[in-house]
Amino acid sequence: MLRKSIFTAVAALAVIMGAPPSAAWADSEQLSVEELTQQVEAMQAQMAVLMQRLEAMQQEGEDLREETTVLTEDMEDMDDRMMVAERHAVLDKVRFSGDFRTQVHSIQGSMIDRIDGINVQKDLVNTLFFFGATGAPPQTPDLSDVDSFIQANYDDYLYYLDNVVSFDFIQQQVGGLMEQNPDMANQLLQLLASQQDSFI
């Protein structure tokens, strides 16, 4: 009986003395779990930030790789251009080095007088007008009779220029005169060619 009472007292004492340590241990264990949870959450947040930074760095690496590729292509292009320019510069140095020599030449010759075709054509057209109206070639070497006839018949002369004269007409008249009277045709052409205002 005494043994049973002692055992009960020891057990009760053990319960009384063991209770506070058990509660403190439980609190410390619960506090450690909360701290660990907070630490895990903080580490997860840090990991998320690190992952974002890693992704950003990977993106920057890709951008840098693209920029490097573009710069490499530009450098190759510039290198090709520089090679052309340098080669050209070197060739220029080779081409322009040495002696610079000059030569002077003179050409002498004689040229026949040139006939102003516009004046000859004008005189021919006027002479054909005179010849068609009078039936005779000009009688003055300077064609003054032709000019006087044109002044006296200026209306007919303008009609003649606007409605009759053409290249085919001149060709037909000269060709017909050459066939009918070659001597007169040659005389007429020589007269036209001898005009002082027909030469330059």
Protein backbone atom coordinates (compact mmCIF):
# COMPACT_ATOMS: atom_id res chain seq x y z
CA MET A 1 0.00 0.00 0.00
CA LEU A 2 2.80 2.34 0.88
CA ARG A 3 4.61 1.31 -2.24
CA LYS A 4 1.55 2.10 -4.31
CA SER A 5 1.22 5.56 -2.72
CA ILE A 6 4.88 6.35 -3.34
CA PHE A 7 4.58 5.27 -6.91
CA THR A 8 1.50 7.41 -7.34
CA ALA A 9 3.23 10.40 -5.75
CA VAL A 10 6.30 9.97 -7.94
CA ALA A 11 4.10 9.64 -10.97
CA ALA A 12 2.15 12.76 -10.03
CA LEU A 13 5.35 14.64 -9.38
CA ALA A 14 6.69 13.46 -12.67
CA VAL A 15 3.53 14.64 -14.37
CA ILE A 16 3.69 18.02 -12.61
CA MET A 17 7.36 18.52 -13.32
CA GLY A 18 7.18 17.06 -16.80
CA ALA A 19 4.26 19.17 -17.98
CA PRO A 20 6.04 22.53 -18.35
CA PRO A 21 8.99 21.10 -20.26
CA SER A 22 6.61 19.28 -22.58
CA ALA A 23 4.65 22.50 -23.29
CA ALA A 24 7.83 24.52 -23.81
CA TRP A 25 9.19 21.89 -26.13
CA ALA A 26 5.92 21.89 -28.06
CA ASP A 27 6.03 25.70 -28.34
CA SER A 28 9.64 25.64 -29.46
CA GLU A 29 8.83 22.93 -31.99
CA GLN A 30 5.83 24.90 -33.27
CA LEU A 31 7.96 28.05 -33.44
CA SER A 32 10.63 26.20 -35.38
CA VAL A 33 8.05 24.91 -37.86
CA GLU A 34 6.73 28.45 -38.37
CA GLU A 35 10.25 29.78 -38.79
CA LEU A 36 11.07 26.99 -41.19
CA THR A 37 7.87 27.70 -43.14
CA GLN A 38 8.75 31.37 -43.33
CA GLN A 39 12.28 30.53 -44.36
CA VAL A 40 10.99 28.14 -47.04
CA GLU A 41 8.58 30.79 -48.32
CA ALA A 42 11.39 33.37 -48.34
CA MET A 43 13.62 30.94 -50.19
CA GLN A 44 10.82 30.25 -52.69
CA ALA A 45 10.44 34.01 -53.24
CA GLN A 46 14.19 34.33 -53.71
CA MET A 47 14.12 31.39 -56.11
CA ALA A 48 11.32 33.04 -58.09
CA VAL A 49 13.34 36.28 -58.28
CA LEU A 50 16.41 34.32 -59.32
CA MET A 51 14.41 32.48 -61.98
CA GLN A 52 13.14 35.79 -63.33
CA ARG A 53 16.67 37.14 -63.39
CA LEU A 54 17.87 33.98 -65.08
CA GLU A 55 15.16 34.29 -67.75
CA ALA A 56 16.04 37.96 -68.21
CA MET A 57 19.71 37.05 -68.55
CA GLN A 58 18.86 34.35 -71.07
CA GLN A 59 16.83 36.89 -73.07
CA GLU A 60 19.69 39.37 -72.85
CA GLY A 61 22.04 36.63 -73.99
CA GLU A 62 19.84 35.93 -77.02
CA ASP A 63 19.64 39.66 -77.79
CA LEU A 64 23.40 39.93 -77.46
CA ARG A 65 23.82 36.92 -79.72
CA GLU A 66 21.58 38.56 -82.36
CA GLU A 67 23.44 41.85 -82.03
CA THR A 68 26.73 40.00 -82.31
CA THR A 69 25.51 38.28 -85.48
CA VAL A 70 24.41 41.60 -86.99
CA LEU A 71 27.67 43.27 -86.01
CA THR A 72 29.65 40.37 -87.45
CA GLU A 73 27.79 40.68 -90.75
CA ASP A 74 28.34 44.45 -90.76
CA MET A 75 32.02 43.95 -90.03
CA GLU A 76 32.33 41.44 -92.87
CA ASP A 77 30.55 43.85 -95.22
CA MET A 78 32.77 46.73 -94.14
CA ASP A 79 35.81 44.52 -94.47
CA ASP A 80 34.83 43.69 -98.05
CA ARG A 81 34.29 47.37 -98.81
CA MET A 82 37.55 48.36 -97.16
CA MET A 83 39.38 45.72 -99.13
CA VAL A 84 37.98 47.18 -102.37
CA ALA A 85 38.87 50.72 -101.29
CA GLU A 86 42.35 49.72 -100.15
CA ARG A 87 42.97 47.78 -103.34
CA HIS A 88 41.78 50.77 -105.37
CA ALA A 89 44.00 53.11 -103.33
CA VAL A 90 47.00 50.86 -103.85
CA LEU A 91 46.30 50.63 -107.57
CA ASP A 92 45.93 54.41 -107.73
CA LYS A 93 49.33 54.79 -106.14
CA VAL A 94 50.77 52.42 -108.69
CA ARG A 95 48.98 54.06 -111.60
CA PHE A 96 49.94 57.62 -110.76
CA SER A 97 53.54 57.10 -109.80
CA GLY A 98 56.35 57.68 -112.23
CA ASP A 99 56.97 60.29 -114.90
CA PHE A 100 54.32 62.66 -116.11
CA ARG A 101 54.90 63.51 -119.74
CA THR A 102 52.98 65.69 -122.15
CA GLN A 103 52.98 65.98 -125.91
CA VAL A 104 51.77 68.78 -128.11
CA HIS A 105 50.70 68.19 -131.70
CA SER A 106 49.50 70.55 -134.34
CA ILE A 107 47.46 69.76 -137.41
CA GLN A 108 47.59 71.98 -140.43
CA GLY A 109 45.45 71.67 -143.48
CA SER A 110 43.26 73.50 -145.89
CA MET A 111 39.51 73.22 -146.07
CA ILE A 112 37.24 74.26 -148.83
CA ASP A 113 34.74 77.00 -148.18
CA ARG A 114 31.54 75.75 -146.69
CA ILE A 115 28.30 76.73 -148.36
CA ASP A 116 25.42 77.75 -146.13
CA GLY A 117 22.74 75.36 -147.28
CA ILE A 118 19.92 77.39 -145.75
CA ASN A 119 20.78 80.45 -147.85
CA VAL A 120 21.24 78.34 -150.98
CA GLN A 121 17.85 76.75 -150.38
CA LYS A 122 16.26 80.18 -149.90
CA ASP A 123 17.82 81.48 -153.11
CA LEU A 124 16.73 78.35 -154.97
CA VAL A 125 13.12 78.67 -153.75
CA ASN A 126 13.05 82.37 -154.69
CA THR A 127 14.60 81.68 -158.10
CA LEU A 128 12.06 78.93 -158.82
CA PHE A 129 9.28 81.39 -157.94
CA PHE A 130 10.80 83.96 -160.33
CA PHE A 131 11.39 81.37 -163.04
CA GLY A 132 7.88 79.94 -162.76
CA ALA A 133 6.28 83.36 -163.06
CA THR A 134 8.51 84.89 -165.76
CA GLY A 135 9.70 81.80 -167.63
CA ALA A 136 13.27 83.10 -167.58
CA PRO A 137 16.23 82.67 -165.20
CA PRO A 138 17.52 85.60 -163.16
CA GLN A 139 19.54 88.12 -165.16
CA THR A 140 21.51 89.75 -162.33
CA PRO A 141 24.41 87.97 -160.57
CA ASP A 142 23.28 89.18 -157.17
CA LEU A 143 19.65 88.05 -157.75
CA SER A 144 18.43 91.61 -157.26
CA ASP A 145 15.84 91.14 -160.02
CA VAL A 146 14.45 88.16 -158.06
CA ASP A 147 14.20 90.24 -154.88
CA SER A 148 12.48 93.09 -156.75
CA PHE A 149 10.00 90.68 -158.32
CA ILE A 150 9.18 89.18 -154.92
CA GLN A 151 8.58 92.66 -153.44
CA ALA A 152 6.25 93.53 -156.31
CA ASN A 153 4.32 90.23 -155.99
CA TYR A 154 4.57 89.56 -152.26
CA ASP A 155 1.02 88.15 -151.87
CA ASP A 156 1.66 85.58 -154.58
CA TYR A 157 5.05 84.83 -153.01
CA LEU A 158 3.46 84.10 -149.61
CA TYR A 159 0.87 81.83 -151.22
CA TYR A 160 3.70 80.11 -153.08
CA LEU A 161 5.61 79.51 -149.83
CA ASP A 162 2.59 78.26 -147.88
CA ASN A 163 0.90 76.08 -150.50
CA VAL A 164 3.35 75.17 -153.26
CA VAL A 165 6.88 74.83 -151.90
CA SER A 166 7.90 71.45 -150.50
CA PHE A 167 10.92 69.21 -150.73
CA ASP A 168 9.26 67.11 -153.42
CA PHE A 169 8.36 70.27 -155.38
CA ILE A 170 11.97 71.52 -155.33
CA GLN A 171 13.24 68.08 -156.32
CA GLN A 172 10.78 67.87 -159.24
CA GLN A 173 11.58 71.39 -160.48
CA VAL A 174 15.35 70.93 -160.39
CA GLY A 175 15.10 67.42 -161.87
CA GLY A 176 12.82 68.64 -164.65
CA LEU A 177 15.12 71.56 -165.44
CA MET A 178 18.13 69.22 -165.54
CA GLU A 179 16.30 66.98 -168.02
CA GLN A 180 14.94 69.77 -170.25
CA ASN A 181 17.90 72.14 -170.27
CA PRO A 182 21.00 70.88 -168.47
CA ASP A 183 23.07 73.92 -169.43
CA MET A 184 20.54 76.33 -167.95
CA ALA A 185 20.24 74.17 -164.82
CA ASN A 186 24.01 74.16 -164.29
CA GLN A 187 24.17 77.89 -164.92
CA LEU A 188 21.42 78.44 -162.35
CA LEU A 189 23.13 76.26 -159.73
CA GLN A 190 26.47 78.00 -160.29
CA LEU A 191 24.75 81.35 -159.95
CA LEU A 192 23.24 80.28 -156.63
CA ALA A 193 26.56 78.90 -155.39
CA SER A 194 28.41 82.09 -156.30
CA GLN A 195 26.33 84.31 -154.04
CA GLN A 196 28.50 86.05 -151.45
CA ASP A 197 25.87 85.72 -148.72
CA SER A 198 25.85 81.94 -149.24
CA PHE A 199 29.40 81.52 -147.93
CA ILE A 200 30.70 81.52 -144.38
